[in-house]
Amino acid sequence: MIVTCEDVVHWDLTEAKERGVVKDQLEALILQMYKNGITYSEGVCEFKKRFILTVLQDCKGNQCKAARQLGMHRNTLSRTIAELKLDAKGLRHGTRRPPRSAHAVSMDRTAAR
């Protein structure tokens, strides 16, 4: 597939329009929250919760990947999850890797030591 300059311009314009729509929706939501008496701190806290949970769900509960997507350090994400009292463990799909101590050490490796 050959991508032309016109394609790139079209994609950029489409993305800009979508961002504009999202910004308009956010402004309407903020106005609605303000008129319903939701305080600034409540609104920011709820936004952080929803934003982080959405990214975590998209990353299947993987905090390292989610932190990368959010543009923050994984320790900052972990601390924010704790501060917001979010249950991120329920978002993990599948099983975790076993700890290194559970791995069987082969005879070749022990003999080489």
C-alpha atoms as a PDB file:
ATOM      1  CA  MET A   1       0.000   0.000   0.000  1.00  0.00           C
ATOM      2  CA  ILE A   2       1.354   3.408  -0.969  1.00  0.00           C
ATOM      3  CA  VAL A   3       0.594   6.296   1.365  1.00  0.00           C
ATOM      4  CA  THR A   4       0.344   9.687  -0.293  1.00  0.00           C
ATOM      5  CA  CYS A   5       0.688  13.161   1.197  1.00  0.00           C
ATOM      6  CA  GLU A   6      -3.065  13.612   0.727  1.00  0.00           C
ATOM      7  CA  ASP A   7      -3.688  10.519   2.890  1.00  0.00           C
ATOM      8  CA  VAL A   8      -1.515  11.894   5.683  1.00  0.00           C
ATOM      9  CA  VAL A   9      -3.249  15.289   5.544  1.00  0.00           C
ATOM     10  CA  HIS A  10      -6.663  13.557   5.610  1.00  0.00           C
ATOM     11  CA  TRP A  11      -5.675  11.468   8.645  1.00  0.00           C
ATOM     12  CA  ASP A  12      -4.339  14.560  10.442  1.00  0.00           C
ATOM     13  CA  LEU A  13      -7.556  16.493   9.731  1.00  0.00           C
ATOM     14  CA  THR A  14      -9.709  13.563  10.857  1.00  0.00           C
ATOM     15  CA  GLU A  15      -7.719  13.255  14.090  1.00  0.00           C
ATOM     16  CA  ALA A  16      -7.946  17.010  14.684  1.00  0.00           C
ATOM     17  CA  LYS A  17     -11.736  16.909  14.191  1.00  0.00           C
ATOM     18  CA  GLU A  18     -12.057  13.983  16.609  1.00  0.00           C
ATOM     19  CA  ARG A  19      -9.964  15.813  19.208  1.00  0.00           C
ATOM     20  CA  GLY A  20     -12.149  18.880  18.738  1.00  0.00           C
ATOM     21  CA  VAL A  21     -15.275  16.801  19.335  1.00  0.00           C
ATOM     22  CA  VAL A  22     -13.767  15.288  22.485  1.00  0.00           C
ATOM     23  CA  LYS A  23     -12.778  18.735  23.779  1.00  0.00           C
ATOM     24  CA  ASP A  24     -16.314  20.018  23.148  1.00  0.00           C
ATOM     25  CA  GLN A  25     -17.754  17.029  25.034  1.00  0.00           C
ATOM     26  CA  LEU A  26     -15.348  17.634  27.912  1.00  0.00           C
ATOM     27  CA  GLU A  27     -16.323  21.306  28.110  1.00  0.00           C
ATOM     28  CA  ALA A  28     -20.020  20.362  28.189  1.00  0.00           C
ATOM     29  CA  LEU A  29     -19.340  17.794  30.922  1.00  0.00           C
ATOM     30  CA  ILE A  30     -17.396  20.324  32.997  1.00  0.00           C
ATOM     31  CA  LEU A  31     -20.230  22.834  32.716  1.00  0.00           C
ATOM     32  CA  GLN A  32     -22.728  20.161  33.756  1.00  0.00           C
ATOM     33  CA  MET A  33     -20.563  19.146  36.737  1.00  0.00           C
ATOM     34  CA  TYR A  34     -20.185  22.765  37.830  1.00  0.00           C
ATOM     35  CA  LYS A  35     -23.935  23.416  37.612  1.00  0.00           C
ATOM     36  CA  ASN A  36     -24.621  20.263  39.658  1.00  0.00           C
ATOM     37  CA  GLY A  37     -22.368  21.390  42.500  1.00  0.00           C
ATOM     38  CA  ILE A  38     -19.492  18.991  42.006  1.00  0.00           C
ATOM     39  CA  THR A  39     -16.363  20.518  43.513  1.00  0.00           C
ATOM     40  CA  TYR A  40     -13.068  20.859  41.674  1.00  0.00           C
ATOM     41  CA  SER A  41     -11.337  18.254  43.842  1.00  0.00           C
ATOM     42  CA  GLU A  42     -14.195  15.761  43.383  1.00  0.00           C
ATOM     43  CA  GLY A  43     -14.136  16.276  39.623  1.00  0.00           C
ATOM     44  CA  VAL A  44     -10.359  15.889  39.346  1.00  0.00           C
ATOM     45  CA  CYS A  45     -10.396  12.782  41.540  1.00  0.00           C
ATOM     46  CA  GLU A  46     -13.179  11.172  39.495  1.00  0.00           C
ATOM     47  CA  PHE A  47     -11.444  12.067  36.216  1.00  0.00           C
ATOM     48  CA  LYS A  48      -8.167  10.515  37.408  1.00  0.00           C
ATOM     49  CA  LYS A  49      -9.969   7.348  38.499  1.00  0.00           C
ATOM     50  CA  ARG A  50     -11.822   6.902  35.214  1.00  0.00           C
ATOM     51  CA  PHE A  51      -8.828   7.789  33.048  1.00  0.00           C
ATOM     52  CA  ILE A  52      -6.448   5.439  34.860  1.00  0.00           C
ATOM     53  CA  LEU A  53      -8.973   2.578  34.981  1.00  0.00           C
ATOM     54  CA  THR A  54      -9.667   2.952  31.253  1.00  0.00           C
ATOM     55  CA  VAL A  55      -5.975   2.752  30.374  1.00  0.00           C
ATOM     56  CA  LEU A  56      -5.421  -0.137  32.804  1.00  0.00           C
ATOM     57  CA  GLN A  57      -8.298  -2.054  31.239  1.00  0.00           C
ATOM     58  CA  ASP A  58      -6.852  -1.443  27.781  1.00  0.00           C
ATOM     59  CA  CYS A  59      -3.474  -2.741  29.040  1.00  0.00           C
ATOM     60  CA  LYS A  60      -5.133  -5.767  30.699  1.00  0.00           C
ATOM     61  CA  GLY A  61      -4.048  -4.617  34.150  1.00  0.00           C
ATOM     62  CA  ASN A  62      -0.355  -4.320  33.243  1.00  0.00           C
ATOM     63  CA  GLN A  63       0.777  -1.287  35.235  1.00  0.00           C
ATOM     64  CA  CYS A  64       4.103  -0.896  33.394  1.00  0.00           C
ATOM     65  CA  LYS A  65       2.353  -0.678  30.022  1.00  0.00           C
ATOM     66  CA  ALA A  66      -0.365   1.575  31.434  1.00  0.00           C
ATOM     67  CA  ALA A  67       2.207   3.942  32.951  1.00  0.00           C
ATOM     68  CA  ARG A  68       3.931   4.170  29.565  1.00  0.00           C
ATOM     69  CA  GLN A  69       0.607   4.985  27.881  1.00  0.00           C
ATOM     70  CA  LEU A  70      -0.183   7.605  30.533  1.00  0.00           C
ATOM     71  CA  GLY A  71       3.269   9.184  30.248  1.00  0.00           C
ATOM     72  CA  MET A  72       4.221   8.613  33.871  1.00  0.00           C
ATOM     73  CA  HIS A  73       6.641   6.450  35.821  1.00  0.00           C
ATOM     74  CA  ARG A  74       5.246   3.109  36.985  1.00  0.00           C
ATOM     75  CA  ASN A  75       5.938   4.019  40.631  1.00  0.00           C
ATOM     76  CA  THR A  76       3.886   7.197  40.214  1.00  0.00           C
ATOM     77  CA  LEU A  77       1.045   5.158  38.723  1.00  0.00           C
ATOM     78  CA  SER A  78       1.246   2.623  41.538  1.00  0.00           C
ATOM     79  CA  ARG A  79       1.186   5.387  44.148  1.00  0.00           C
ATOM     80  CA  THR A  80      -1.749   7.113  42.407  1.00  0.00           C
ATOM     81  CA  ILE A  81      -3.687   3.829  42.280  1.00  0.00           C
ATOM     82  CA  ALA A  82      -3.151   3.435  46.030  1.00  0.00           C
ATOM     83  CA  GLU A  83      -4.110   7.069  46.763  1.00  0.00           C
ATOM     84  CA  LEU A  84      -7.325   6.739  44.720  1.00  0.00           C
ATOM     85  CA  LYS A  85      -8.062   3.352  46.360  1.00  0.00           C
ATOM     86  CA  LEU A  86      -8.486   1.641  42.987  1.00  0.00           C
ATOM     87  CA  ASP A  87      -8.616  -2.137  42.659  1.00  0.00           C
ATOM     88  CA  ALA A  88      -6.215  -2.735  39.779  1.00  0.00           C
ATOM     89  CA  LYS A  89      -5.691  -6.441  40.524  1.00  0.00           C
ATOM     90  CA  GLY A  90      -9.148  -7.295  39.232  1.00  0.00           C
ATOM     91  CA  LEU A  91      -8.181  -6.012  35.785  1.00  0.00           C
ATOM     92  CA  ARG A  92      -5.452  -8.597  35.153  1.00  0.00           C
ATOM     93  CA  HIS A  93      -6.288 -11.292  32.608  1.00  0.00           C
ATOM     94  CA  GLY A  94      -4.588 -14.647  32.640  1.00  0.00           C
ATOM     95  CA  THR A  95      -1.967 -15.878  35.003  1.00  0.00           C
ATOM     96  CA  ARG A  96       1.158 -14.235  36.263  1.00  0.00           C
ATOM     97  CA  ARG A  97       4.623 -15.509  35.580  1.00  0.00           C
ATOM     98  CA  PRO A  98       5.972 -17.683  38.380  1.00  0.00           C
ATOM     99  CA  PRO A  99       8.630 -16.075  40.579  1.00  0.00           C
ATOM    100  CA  ARG A 100      12.237 -16.865  39.727  1.00  0.00           C
ATOM    101  CA  SER A 101      12.541 -18.973  42.871  1.00  0.00           C
ATOM    102  CA  ALA A 102       9.923 -21.336  41.436  1.00  0.00           C
ATOM    103  CA  HIS A 103      11.915 -21.992  38.256  1.00  0.00           C
ATOM    104  CA  ALA A 104      13.696 -25.314  38.184  1.00  0.00           C
ATOM    105  CA  VAL A 105      17.468 -24.937  38.008  1.00  0.00           C
ATOM    106  CA  SER A 106      18.902 -27.296  35.416  1.00  0.00           C
ATOM    107  CA  MET A 107      21.805 -29.556  36.242  1.00  0.00           C
ATOM    108  CA  ASP A 108      23.930 -27.910  33.527  1.00  0.00           C
ATOM    109  CA  ARG A 109      23.611 -24.515  35.161  1.00  0.00           C
ATOM    110  CA  THR A 110      24.398 -25.774  38.645  1.00  0.00           C
ATOM    111  CA  ALA A 111      27.391 -27.758  37.376  1.00  0.00           C
ATOM    112  CA  ALA A 112      28.776 -24.672  35.626  1.00  0.00           C
ATOM    113  CA  ARG A 113      28.835 -22.758  38.898  1.00  0.00           C
END
